[in-house]
Amino acid sequence: MVYDELIFVKLGLTAILGLVIGIERELKRKPVGMKTSLVISIVSCLLTIVSIESAYTFSGDPDVNITMDPLRLAAQIVSGIGFLGAGVILHKGNDTISGLTTAAIIWGAAGVGIAVGAGFFIEAILGVILIIISVEFLPVIFKWTGPARFREREIYLKVMLNDASKGKQILEALRQHHVKIDQIRLKDTRDHLHMIELHAAISSKSTVTELYEYIVALEHVAGAEIETR
């Protein structure tokens, strides 16, 4: 009876911790939300319990010498969860990569399930608390007290020009508007326009709409497109 209650405690605690992680992703509208995090953490916990109990159950036969690693099955969760993480990492056409944090949290949810299944309750709870602090509160703290880089927002910018000779002038206008340019790519389009692609950063206090209005109002600019990361 005590053993059965312990299993319920493990699975229940795992569900609660997985729910906390899932809600954080759900609030940010990420691909991996509440349901996925719950399934990952609960199943990881269940497989860990099965792995541990199987090692001691089947090795108890005096007529057969069976040696098993209690965490052999649980060890495969860490590598097996990788296919889910790979599914949420996106390489966009503008050479930017997104989904790395979500992939790491998938891995973390599996780790929490393994920890609870193995009986490390306090460690699992502390792990979830530190995960939430790391992804929710630390960025806000560094945004106000950290280096200037933490107070900037990365953007991907396309500017269409009707005069190729005005590219340098446009870039200078952007710098004067406090746009920090990291990478530049120039190319012509089928519409006989000239496109400037920029990987840049702006202050977190600046709005994308203000920057867009500023760019399209510049002379020789035929259009613009801004994407935040």
Protein backbone atom coordinates (compact mmCIF):
# COMPACT_ATOMS: atom_id res chain seq x y z
CA MET A 1 0.00 0.00 0.00
CA VAL A 2 2.82 2.38 0.89
CA TYR A 3 4.56 1.46 -2.35
CA ASP A 4 1.43 2.23 -4.40
CA GLU A 5 1.03 5.57 -2.64
CA LEU A 6 4.64 6.44 -3.40
CA ILE A 7 4.06 5.82 -7.10
CA PHE A 8 1.04 8.14 -7.04
CA VAL A 9 3.10 10.76 -5.24
CA LYS A 10 5.86 10.53 -7.86
CA LEU A 11 3.49 10.73 -10.82
CA GLY A 12 1.43 13.50 -9.18
CA LEU A 13 4.48 15.61 -8.36
CA THR A 14 5.82 15.10 -11.87
CA ALA A 15 2.50 16.22 -13.34
CA ILE A 16 2.56 19.40 -11.23
CA LEU A 17 6.14 20.25 -12.17
CA GLY A 18 5.49 19.46 -15.85
CA LEU A 19 2.41 21.68 -15.69
CA VAL A 20 4.47 24.59 -14.36
CA ILE A 21 6.95 24.24 -17.22
CA GLY A 22 4.16 23.82 -19.77
CA ILE A 23 2.23 26.88 -18.61
CA GLU A 24 5.37 29.02 -19.01
CA ARG A 25 5.71 27.89 -22.64
CA GLU A 26 1.95 28.18 -23.24
CA LEU A 27 1.90 31.81 -22.07
CA LYS A 28 4.61 32.58 -24.64
CA ARG A 29 2.68 30.74 -27.38
CA LYS A 30 5.54 28.35 -28.07
CA PRO A 31 5.14 25.09 -30.05
CA VAL A 32 5.63 23.00 -26.92
CA GLY A 33 2.87 23.89 -24.50
CA MET A 34 1.15 22.48 -21.45
CA LYS A 35 0.01 19.13 -22.86
CA THR A 36 3.37 18.27 -24.39
CA SER A 37 5.30 19.13 -21.23
CA LEU A 38 2.91 17.06 -19.12
CA VAL A 39 3.25 14.01 -21.37
CA ILE A 40 7.05 14.27 -21.47
CA SER A 41 7.50 14.64 -17.72
CA ILE A 42 4.92 12.01 -16.72
CA VAL A 43 6.13 9.37 -19.18
CA SER A 44 9.77 10.04 -18.26
CA CYS A 45 8.85 9.52 -14.61
CA LEU A 46 6.92 6.35 -15.43
CA LEU A 47 9.75 4.86 -17.48
CA THR A 48 12.20 5.65 -14.68
CA ILE A 49 9.99 3.90 -12.14
CA VAL A 50 9.64 0.88 -14.44
CA SER A 51 13.41 0.83 -15.05
CA ILE A 52 14.28 0.88 -11.35
CA GLU A 53 11.60 -1.58 -10.23
CA SER A 54 12.36 -4.01 -13.07
CA ALA A 55 16.02 -4.15 -12.08
CA TYR A 56 15.18 -5.24 -8.54
CA THR A 57 12.14 -7.39 -9.39
CA PHE A 58 13.69 -9.60 -12.07
CA SER A 59 17.07 -9.86 -10.35
CA GLY A 60 15.48 -11.46 -7.29
CA ASP A 61 15.17 -14.94 -8.77
CA PRO A 62 17.69 -17.19 -6.95
CA ASP A 63 17.72 -19.71 -9.81
CA VAL A 64 18.70 -17.16 -12.48
CA ASN A 65 21.53 -14.68 -12.09
CA ILE A 66 20.26 -11.50 -13.73
CA THR A 67 22.22 -8.29 -13.41
CA MET A 68 20.44 -5.12 -14.53
CA ASP A 69 21.24 -1.42 -14.42
CA PRO A 70 18.39 0.26 -12.48
CA LEU A 71 18.57 3.35 -14.70
CA ARG A 72 19.27 1.68 -18.03
CA LEU A 73 15.83 2.49 -19.47
CA ALA A 74 15.85 5.98 -17.97
CA ALA A 75 19.20 6.71 -19.61
CA GLN A 76 17.63 6.21 -23.02
CA ILE A 77 15.07 8.95 -22.31
CA VAL A 78 17.77 11.62 -22.42
CA SER A 79 18.91 10.63 -25.90
CA GLY A 80 15.46 9.65 -27.16
CA ILE A 81 13.91 13.00 -26.26
CA GLY A 82 16.24 14.61 -28.80
CA PHE A 83 13.88 13.99 -31.70
CA LEU A 84 11.24 16.17 -30.06
CA GLY A 85 13.76 18.92 -29.42
CA ALA A 86 14.91 18.81 -33.04
CA GLY A 87 11.31 19.24 -34.17
CA VAL A 88 10.92 22.65 -32.54
CA ILE A 89 14.22 24.14 -33.72
CA LEU A 90 13.56 26.17 -36.85
CA HIS A 91 16.13 27.52 -39.30
CA LYS A 92 14.44 30.43 -41.01
CA GLY A 93 15.17 31.76 -44.45
CA ASN A 94 16.87 34.84 -43.01
CA ASP A 95 19.59 32.66 -41.43
CA THR A 96 18.12 32.97 -37.94
CA ILE A 97 17.47 30.04 -35.64
CA SER A 98 14.57 29.88 -33.20
CA GLY A 99 13.27 27.29 -30.78
CA LEU A 100 16.50 26.51 -28.94
CA THR A 101 15.08 27.50 -25.55
CA THR A 102 11.96 25.42 -26.13
CA ALA A 103 14.10 22.44 -27.15
CA ALA A 104 16.15 22.83 -23.98
CA ILE A 105 12.99 22.99 -21.87
CA ILE A 106 11.75 19.74 -23.47
CA TRP A 107 15.00 18.15 -22.34
CA GLY A 108 14.54 19.74 -18.92
CA ALA A 109 10.98 18.39 -18.56
CA ALA A 110 12.28 14.89 -19.26
CA GLY A 111 15.05 15.42 -16.69
CA VAL A 112 12.50 16.50 -14.08
CA GLY A 113 10.47 13.35 -14.73
CA ILE A 114 13.57 11.16 -14.35
CA ALA A 115 14.56 12.91 -11.11
CA VAL A 116 11.13 12.43 -9.56
CA GLY A 117 10.91 8.85 -10.77
CA ALA A 118 14.26 8.12 -9.13
CA GLY A 119 13.05 9.65 -5.86
CA PHE A 120 14.89 12.98 -5.96
CA PHE A 121 11.87 15.12 -5.10
CA ILE A 122 13.61 18.16 -3.63
CA GLU A 123 16.14 18.27 -6.48
CA ALA A 124 13.37 18.16 -9.08
CA ILE A 125 11.40 20.96 -7.41
CA LEU A 126 14.50 23.14 -7.13
CA GLY A 127 15.33 22.37 -10.76
CA VAL A 128 11.93 23.59 -11.97
CA ILE A 129 12.17 26.72 -9.81
CA LEU A 130 15.59 27.53 -11.28
CA ILE A 131 14.34 26.88 -14.83
CA ILE A 132 11.45 29.33 -14.38
CA ILE A 133 13.76 31.92 -12.82
CA SER A 134 16.25 31.49 -15.67
CA VAL A 135 13.77 31.93 -18.52
CA GLU A 136 11.36 34.40 -16.93
CA PHE A 137 13.03 36.62 -14.34
CA LEU A 138 16.74 36.76 -15.19
CA PRO A 139 16.16 38.25 -18.68
CA VAL A 140 14.08 41.03 -17.11
CA ILE A 141 16.73 41.71 -14.47
CA PHE A 142 19.55 41.82 -17.04
CA LYS A 143 17.39 43.99 -19.29
CA TRP A 144 17.51 46.76 -16.69
CA THR A 145 20.82 46.16 -14.90
CA GLY A 146 23.00 44.19 -17.31
CA PRO A 147 25.27 45.23 -20.19
CA ALA A 148 23.87 47.26 -23.08
CA ARG A 149 23.54 44.12 -25.19
CA PHE A 150 20.78 42.83 -22.90
CA ARG A 151 18.82 46.04 -23.42
CA GLU A 152 18.66 45.57 -27.18
CA ARG A 153 16.29 43.71 -29.45
CA GLU A 154 17.55 41.85 -32.51
CA ILE A 155 15.74 42.49 -35.78
CA TYR A 156 15.89 41.33 -39.39
CA LEU A 157 15.36 44.22 -41.79
CA LYS A 158 14.73 44.45 -45.54
CA VAL A 159 14.86 47.81 -47.30
CA MET A 160 13.90 48.15 -50.98
CA LEU A 161 15.57 50.99 -52.89
CA ASN A 162 14.82 52.39 -56.32
CA ASP A 163 18.34 53.79 -56.62
CA ALA A 164 21.34 51.56 -55.86
CA SER A 165 23.64 54.53 -55.31
CA LYS A 166 21.65 55.59 -52.25
CA GLY A 167 22.49 52.49 -50.20
CA LYS A 168 25.25 54.16 -48.23
CA GLN A 169 22.97 57.08 -47.45
CA ILE A 170 20.25 54.78 -46.14
CA LEU A 171 22.68 52.88 -43.93
CA GLU A 172 23.96 56.12 -42.47
CA ALA A 173 20.39 57.24 -41.79
CA LEU A 174 19.72 54.00 -39.92
CA ARG A 175 22.85 54.41 -37.79
CA GLN A 176 21.77 57.94 -36.91
CA HIS A 177 18.45 56.44 -35.81
CA HIS A 178 20.42 54.24 -33.34
CA VAL A 179 20.14 51.04 -35.37
CA LYS A 180 23.22 48.88 -34.70
CA ILE A 181 24.02 46.97 -37.88
CA ASP A 182 25.70 43.56 -37.54
CA GLN A 183 25.46 42.05 -41.03
CA ILE A 184 24.66 43.49 -44.45
CA ARG A 185 23.57 41.75 -47.64
CA LEU A 186 22.87 43.51 -50.93
CA LYS A 187 21.07 42.12 -53.95
CA ASP A 188 18.84 43.09 -56.87
CA THR A 189 15.23 41.94 -57.23
CA ARG A 190 13.14 40.92 -60.23
CA ASP A 191 11.25 44.21 -59.99
CA HIS A 192 14.44 46.14 -60.81
CA LEU A 193 14.69 47.30 -57.23
CA HIS A 194 17.70 47.01 -54.94
CA MET A 195 17.35 45.24 -51.62
CA ILE A 196 19.41 45.72 -48.47
CA GLU A 197 19.10 42.91 -45.91
CA LEU A 198 20.29 43.70 -42.42
CA HIS A 199 20.78 41.80 -39.20
CA ALA A 200 20.68 44.58 -36.65
CA ALA A 201 19.70 45.55 -33.12
CA ILE A 202 17.62 48.37 -31.69
CA SER A 203 16.97 49.55 -28.16
CA SER A 204 14.29 47.57 -26.32
CA LYS A 205 12.58 50.91 -25.67
CA SER A 206 12.19 51.56 -29.41
CA THR A 207 9.15 50.18 -31.20
CA VAL A 208 9.22 48.36 -34.51
CA THR A 209 6.37 50.49 -35.86
CA GLU A 210 8.31 53.71 -35.24
CA LEU A 211 11.34 52.29 -37.04
CA TYR A 212 9.20 51.12 -39.96
CA GLU A 213 7.54 54.53 -40.33
CA TYR A 214 10.96 56.19 -40.23
CA ILE A 215 12.39 53.92 -42.93
CA VAL A 216 9.52 54.10 -45.41
CA ALA A 217 9.54 57.91 -45.10
CA LEU A 218 13.17 58.07 -46.30
CA GLU A 219 13.80 59.24 -49.83
CA HIS A 220 14.44 56.51 -52.45
CA VAL A 221 12.93 53.79 -50.20
CA ALA A 222 10.33 51.80 -52.13
CA GLY A 223 9.37 49.49 -49.26
CA ALA A 224 10.55 47.87 -46.05
CA GLU A 225 10.04 44.75 -43.98
CA ILE A 226 10.99 44.21 -40.33
CA GLU A 227 11.01 40.95 -38.39
CA THR A 228 11.84 40.70 -34.70
CA ARG A 229 13.64 37.70 -33.23
